N, C-alpha and C. Protein backbone atom coordinates (compact mmCIF):
# COMPACT_ATOMS: atom_id res chain seq x y z
N GLN A 1 0.75 -1.29 0.15
CA GLN A 1 -0.08 0.14 -0.06
C GLN A 1 0.89 1.19 -0.03
N VAL A 2 0.49 2.50 -0.40
CA VAL A 2 0.74 3.80 -0.42
C VAL A 2 1.36 4.06 1.07
N GLN A 3 2.65 4.42 1.12
CA GLN A 3 3.13 5.03 2.60
C GLN A 3 3.98 6.39 2.09
N LEU A 4 3.88 7.34 2.83
CA LEU A 4 4.44 8.33 2.71
C LEU A 4 4.95 8.62 4.37
N VAL A 5 6.04 8.89 4.50
CA VAL A 5 6.67 9.12 6.03
C VAL A 5 7.80 9.96 6.14
N GLU A 6 6.90 11.14 6.91
CA GLU A 6 7.86 12.34 6.97
C GLU A 6 9.02 12.36 8.07
N SER A 7 9.98 12.98 8.01
CA SER A 7 11.05 13.20 9.03
C SER A 7 11.70 14.45 8.76
N GLY A 8 12.68 14.86 9.92
CA GLY A 8 13.28 16.14 9.80
C GLY A 8 12.78 17.06 10.83
N GLY A 9 11.73 17.07 11.20
CA GLY A 9 11.11 18.10 12.05
C GLY A 9 11.52 18.19 13.32
N GLY A 10 11.21 19.10 14.04
CA GLY A 10 11.74 19.52 15.31
C GLY A 10 11.58 20.98 15.98
N LEU A 11 12.32 20.91 17.03
CA LEU A 11 12.30 22.45 17.45
C LEU A 11 13.62 23.29 17.01
N VAL A 12 13.37 24.31 16.44
CA VAL A 12 14.58 25.32 16.17
C VAL A 12 14.22 26.82 16.28
N GLN A 13 15.39 27.40 16.66
CA GLN A 13 15.18 29.01 16.99
C GLN A 13 14.82 29.34 15.64
N PRO A 14 14.44 30.73 16.15
CA PRO A 14 13.97 31.87 14.65
C PRO A 14 15.33 31.95 14.25
N GLY A 15 15.07 32.07 12.67
CA GLY A 15 16.30 32.20 11.96
C GLY A 15 17.17 30.84 11.47
N GLY A 16 16.73 29.73 12.18
CA GLY A 16 17.13 28.60 11.68
C GLY A 16 16.68 27.80 10.77
N SER A 17 17.26 26.62 10.29
CA SER A 17 17.17 25.90 9.24
C SER A 17 16.52 24.37 9.41
N LEU A 18 15.91 24.14 8.76
CA LEU A 18 15.59 22.65 8.73
C LEU A 18 15.38 21.85 7.42
N ARG A 19 15.58 20.59 7.06
CA ARG A 19 15.42 20.13 5.88
C ARG A 19 14.26 18.63 6.12
N LEU A 20 13.25 18.80 5.88
CA LEU A 20 12.39 17.75 5.81
C LEU A 20 12.40 16.57 4.85
N SER A 21 12.26 15.42 5.03
CA SER A 21 12.29 14.26 4.12
C SER A 21 10.91 13.89 4.19
N CYS A 22 10.66 13.18 3.01
CA CYS A 22 9.09 12.57 2.83
C CYS A 22 9.70 11.12 2.00
N ALA A 23 9.91 10.01 2.71
CA ALA A 23 9.98 8.77 2.00
C ALA A 23 8.34 8.05 1.40
N ALA A 24 8.62 7.74 0.03
CA ALA A 24 7.23 7.19 -0.39
C ALA A 24 7.55 5.81 -0.81
N SER A 25 6.49 5.09 -0.65
CA SER A 25 6.73 3.65 -1.11
C SER A 25 5.27 2.99 -1.53
N GLY A 26 5.00 2.12 -2.13
CA GLY A 26 3.94 1.52 -2.64
C GLY A 26 3.32 2.20 -3.97
N PHE A 27 4.09 2.88 -4.74
CA PHE A 27 3.39 3.49 -6.09
C PHE A 27 4.74 4.15 -6.74
N ILE A 28 4.51 4.30 -8.15
CA ILE A 28 5.78 4.50 -8.84
C ILE A 28 6.06 6.18 -8.54
N PHE A 29 6.74 6.38 -7.86
CA PHE A 29 7.24 7.67 -7.30
C PHE A 29 7.32 8.74 -8.35
N SER A 30 8.11 8.24 -9.45
CA SER A 30 8.64 9.17 -10.65
C SER A 30 7.85 9.55 -11.09
N ARG A 31 6.46 9.08 -11.18
CA ARG A 31 5.38 9.27 -12.14
C ARG A 31 4.35 10.75 -11.64
N TYR A 32 4.71 10.91 -10.11
CA TYR A 32 3.81 11.61 -9.37
C TYR A 32 4.61 12.93 -9.13
N ALA A 33 3.94 14.18 -9.53
CA ALA A 33 4.07 15.36 -8.79
C ALA A 33 4.03 15.38 -7.42
N MET A 34 4.66 16.04 -6.49
CA MET A 34 4.66 16.03 -5.11
C MET A 34 4.44 17.43 -4.42
N SER A 35 3.71 17.28 -3.21
CA SER A 35 4.08 18.88 -2.63
C SER A 35 3.94 18.55 -1.04
N TRP A 36 4.45 19.93 -0.55
CA TRP A 36 4.67 19.88 0.80
C TRP A 36 3.22 20.72 1.20
N HIS A 37 2.74 20.29 2.39
CA HIS A 37 1.42 21.36 2.80
C HIS A 37 2.06 21.49 4.35
N ARG A 38 1.43 22.53 5.17
CA ARG A 38 1.26 22.80 6.37
C ARG A 38 0.09 23.16 7.07
N GLN A 39 0.14 22.78 8.46
CA GLN A 39 -1.32 23.15 9.15
C GLN A 39 -0.99 23.40 10.74
N ALA A 40 -1.04 24.73 10.93
CA ALA A 40 -0.77 25.39 12.29
C ALA A 40 -2.37 25.18 13.02
N PRO A 41 -1.97 25.02 14.42
CA PRO A 41 -3.26 24.72 15.13
C PRO A 41 -4.27 25.91 14.89
N GLY A 42 -5.27 25.47 14.81
CA GLY A 42 -6.46 26.51 14.34
C GLY A 42 -6.76 27.23 13.07
N LYS A 43 -5.57 26.55 12.22
CA LYS A 43 -5.75 27.11 10.94
C LYS A 43 -5.72 26.05 9.88
N GLU A 44 -6.18 26.51 8.46
CA GLU A 44 -6.71 25.67 7.79
C GLU A 44 -4.90 25.10 7.02
N ARG A 45 -5.06 23.97 6.38
CA ARG A 45 -4.05 23.57 5.71
C ARG A 45 -3.57 24.42 4.75
N GLU A 46 -2.40 24.60 4.38
CA GLU A 46 -1.73 25.70 3.23
C GLU A 46 -0.68 25.08 2.51
N LEU A 47 -0.57 25.06 1.12
CA LEU A 47 0.30 24.86 0.38
C LEU A 47 1.72 25.75 0.71
N VAL A 48 2.79 24.31 0.75
CA VAL A 48 4.07 25.07 1.02
C VAL A 48 5.06 25.15 -0.30
N ALA A 49 4.90 23.95 -0.99
CA ALA A 49 5.87 23.68 -2.37
C ALA A 49 5.22 22.70 -2.84
N VAL A 50 5.56 22.77 -4.23
CA VAL A 50 5.24 21.96 -5.34
C VAL A 50 6.22 21.59 -6.13
N ILE A 51 6.42 20.35 -6.71
CA ILE A 51 7.64 20.00 -7.48
C ILE A 51 7.10 18.83 -8.32
N THR A 52 7.51 19.15 -9.76
CA THR A 52 6.96 17.96 -10.94
C THR A 52 7.77 16.70 -10.69
N SER A 53 7.12 15.66 -11.31
CA SER A 53 7.59 14.33 -11.33
C SER A 53 8.89 14.24 -11.75
N ASP A 54 9.43 14.95 -12.58
CA ASP A 54 10.74 14.84 -12.94
C ASP A 54 11.70 15.66 -12.21
N GLY A 55 11.23 16.79 -11.32
CA GLY A 55 11.98 17.54 -10.38
C GLY A 55 12.33 18.91 -11.04
N ARG A 56 12.12 18.92 -12.41
CA ARG A 56 12.76 20.10 -13.19
C ARG A 56 11.61 21.47 -12.53
N GLY A 57 10.66 21.24 -12.22
CA GLY A 57 9.66 22.28 -12.06
C GLY A 57 9.27 22.67 -10.51
N THR A 58 9.25 23.55 -10.18
CA THR A 58 8.99 23.79 -8.60
C THR A 58 7.96 25.34 -8.71
N ASN A 59 7.05 25.22 -7.44
CA ASN A 59 6.45 26.36 -7.26
C ASN A 59 6.13 26.46 -5.71
N TYR A 60 5.97 27.98 -5.49
CA TYR A 60 5.93 28.26 -4.00
C TYR A 60 4.77 29.32 -4.08
N PRO A 61 4.23 29.03 -2.95
CA PRO A 61 3.51 30.29 -2.62
C PRO A 61 4.08 31.73 -2.26
N ASP A 62 3.82 32.78 -2.54
CA ASP A 62 4.52 33.96 -2.18
C ASP A 62 5.18 34.04 -0.86
N SER A 63 4.33 33.82 0.22
CA SER A 63 4.72 33.54 1.50
C SER A 63 6.04 32.62 1.99
N MET A 64 6.46 31.79 0.95
CA MET A 64 7.49 30.79 0.99
C MET A 64 8.29 30.79 0.11
N LYS A 65 8.44 31.94 -0.81
CA LYS A 65 9.33 32.09 -1.92
C LYS A 65 10.51 32.78 -1.30
N GLY A 66 11.96 32.29 -1.75
CA GLY A 66 13.04 32.87 -1.14
C GLY A 66 13.61 31.95 0.27
N ARG A 67 12.49 31.34 0.82
CA ARG A 67 12.64 30.63 1.90
C ARG A 67 12.81 29.32 2.06
N SER A 68 12.28 28.77 0.94
CA SER A 68 12.15 27.46 1.07
C SER A 68 12.54 26.60 -0.37
N THR A 69 12.92 25.41 -0.38
CA THR A 69 13.25 24.96 -1.59
C THR A 69 12.99 23.26 -1.58
N ILE A 70 12.00 22.85 -2.48
CA ILE A 70 11.73 21.60 -2.52
C ILE A 70 12.28 20.85 -3.63
N SER A 71 12.67 19.44 -3.28
CA SER A 71 13.63 18.76 -4.18
C SER A 71 13.30 17.60 -4.00
N ARG A 72 13.61 16.43 -5.16
CA ARG A 72 13.39 15.11 -4.79
C ARG A 72 14.36 14.52 -5.36
N ASP A 73 14.61 12.98 -5.10
CA ASP A 73 15.52 12.22 -5.57
C ASP A 73 14.87 10.85 -6.02
N ASN A 74 14.36 10.75 -7.11
CA ASN A 74 13.62 9.68 -7.51
C ASN A 74 14.09 8.31 -7.60
N ALA A 75 15.53 8.20 -7.39
CA ALA A 75 16.26 6.96 -7.48
C ALA A 75 15.91 6.57 -5.84
N LYS A 76 15.94 7.32 -5.06
CA LYS A 76 15.30 7.17 -3.51
C LYS A 76 13.99 7.27 -3.28
N ASN A 77 13.22 7.76 -4.03
CA ASN A 77 11.89 7.56 -3.70
C ASN A 77 11.34 8.72 -2.52
N THR A 78 11.94 9.81 -2.29
CA THR A 78 12.02 11.01 -1.35
C THR A 78 11.98 12.39 -2.10
N VAL A 79 11.20 13.10 -1.46
CA VAL A 79 11.06 14.49 -1.58
C VAL A 79 11.42 15.06 -0.50
N TYR A 80 12.15 16.37 -0.41
CA TYR A 80 12.78 16.99 0.48
C TYR A 80 11.93 18.48 0.51
N LEU A 81 12.19 19.04 1.39
CA LEU A 81 11.93 20.54 2.04
C LEU A 81 12.90 21.22 2.60
N GLN A 82 13.65 22.12 2.12
CA GLN A 82 14.77 22.59 2.88
C GLN A 82 14.03 24.10 3.28
N MET A 83 14.05 24.57 4.44
CA MET A 83 13.51 25.86 5.10
C MET A 83 14.35 26.56 5.84
N ASN A 84 14.87 27.83 5.29
CA ASN A 84 15.84 28.66 5.96
C ASN A 84 15.10 29.86 6.48
N GLY A 85 15.74 30.57 7.25
CA GLY A 85 14.92 31.48 8.12
C GLY A 85 13.64 31.48 8.26
N LEU A 86 13.67 30.32 9.47
CA LEU A 86 12.54 30.13 9.93
C LEU A 86 11.83 31.43 10.86
N LYS A 87 10.69 31.10 10.88
CA LYS A 87 10.15 32.30 12.16
C LYS A 87 8.81 31.53 12.55
N PRO A 88 8.74 32.10 13.85
CA PRO A 88 7.67 31.59 14.77
C PRO A 88 6.34 31.15 13.83
N GLU A 89 5.97 32.04 13.14
CA GLU A 89 4.86 31.63 12.55
C GLU A 89 4.78 30.29 11.54
N ASP A 90 6.02 30.03 11.11
CA ASP A 90 6.35 28.88 10.61
C ASP A 90 6.00 27.70 11.41
N THR A 91 5.71 27.40 12.75
CA THR A 91 5.65 26.59 13.18
C THR A 91 3.98 26.15 12.91
N ALA A 92 4.22 24.37 12.59
CA ALA A 92 2.92 23.86 11.88
C ALA A 92 3.44 22.38 11.89
N VAL A 93 2.37 21.58 11.47
CA VAL A 93 2.90 20.15 11.02
C VAL A 93 3.05 20.22 9.68
N TYR A 94 4.04 19.62 9.26
CA TYR A 94 4.48 19.61 7.79
C TYR A 94 4.08 18.16 7.26
N SER A 95 3.39 18.10 6.08
CA SER A 95 3.05 16.84 5.28
C SER A 95 3.19 16.88 3.87
N CYS A 96 3.48 15.74 3.47
CA CYS A 96 3.76 15.73 2.09
C CYS A 96 2.42 15.13 1.22
N HIS A 97 2.40 15.31 0.12
CA HIS A 97 1.30 14.71 -0.46
C HIS A 97 1.44 14.38 -2.14
N VAL A 98 0.95 13.40 -2.42
CA VAL A 98 0.87 12.98 -3.73
C VAL A 98 -0.07 13.58 -4.53
N ILE A 99 0.34 14.38 -5.26
CA ILE A 99 -0.42 15.21 -6.32
C ILE A 99 -1.53 14.42 -6.97
N THR A 100 -2.65 14.68 -7.29
CA THR A 100 -3.93 14.07 -7.94
C THR A 100 -4.46 12.87 -7.05
N THR A 101 -3.88 12.54 -6.22
CA THR A 101 -4.25 11.23 -5.22
C THR A 101 -4.96 11.78 -3.90
N GLN A 102 -5.28 10.82 -3.09
CA GLN A 102 -5.78 11.05 -1.92
C GLN A 102 -4.67 10.82 -0.67
N TYR A 103 -3.54 10.52 -1.31
CA TYR A 103 -2.49 10.15 -0.36
C TYR A 103 -1.58 11.27 0.33
N TRP A 104 -1.75 10.98 1.84
CA TRP A 104 -1.20 12.06 2.31
C TRP A 104 -0.27 11.29 3.74
N GLY A 105 0.96 12.09 3.94
CA GLY A 105 1.74 11.42 5.11
C GLY A 105 1.06 12.10 6.28
N GLN A 106 1.69 11.34 7.35
CA GLN A 106 1.05 11.63 8.87
C GLN A 106 1.54 13.16 9.21
N GLY A 107 2.84 13.44 8.78
CA GLY A 107 3.24 14.88 8.94
C GLY A 107 4.51 14.98 10.16
N THR A 108 5.02 15.64 10.12
CA THR A 108 6.30 15.94 10.97
C THR A 108 6.14 17.45 11.65
N GLN A 109 6.03 17.48 12.86
CA GLN A 109 5.80 18.76 13.62
C GLN A 109 7.34 19.83 13.51
N VAL A 110 7.12 21.08 13.02
CA VAL A 110 8.18 21.89 12.86
C VAL A 110 7.73 22.95 14.13
N THR A 111 8.50 23.26 15.00
CA THR A 111 8.37 24.31 16.18
C THR A 111 9.42 25.33 16.13
N VAL A 112 9.07 26.45 15.75
CA VAL A 112 10.12 27.63 15.86
C VAL A 112 9.85 28.34 17.00
N SER A 113 10.84 28.40 18.08
CA SER A 113 10.80 29.22 19.03
C SER A 113 12.39 29.32 19.69
N SER A 114 12.25 30.32 20.29
CA SER A 114 13.36 30.65 21.18
C SER A 114 13.38 30.15 22.50
């Protein structure tokens, strides 16, 4: 069955960086675009980044441009999210998603606090 397992979250100070990973299995990873989303307590889930199936195309909402980089390694069936310059408002559960499907990971908690 399809599995998406995120890792790399944790507690980081403002201005710090984190690299999240999402390990995928159970489907042909290289055929699907992937995305990262986040959900903070009491807020709706929001898109963080999108990457095409071949990794050549990426897209970010304005709030994340310049601070986040999505990438993927199709040989390792893994998609990554590098986040820099983290702010307290980036605190959320970050999840990966297989675009055009109903598959979501469980998420990894990112907390930005001093």
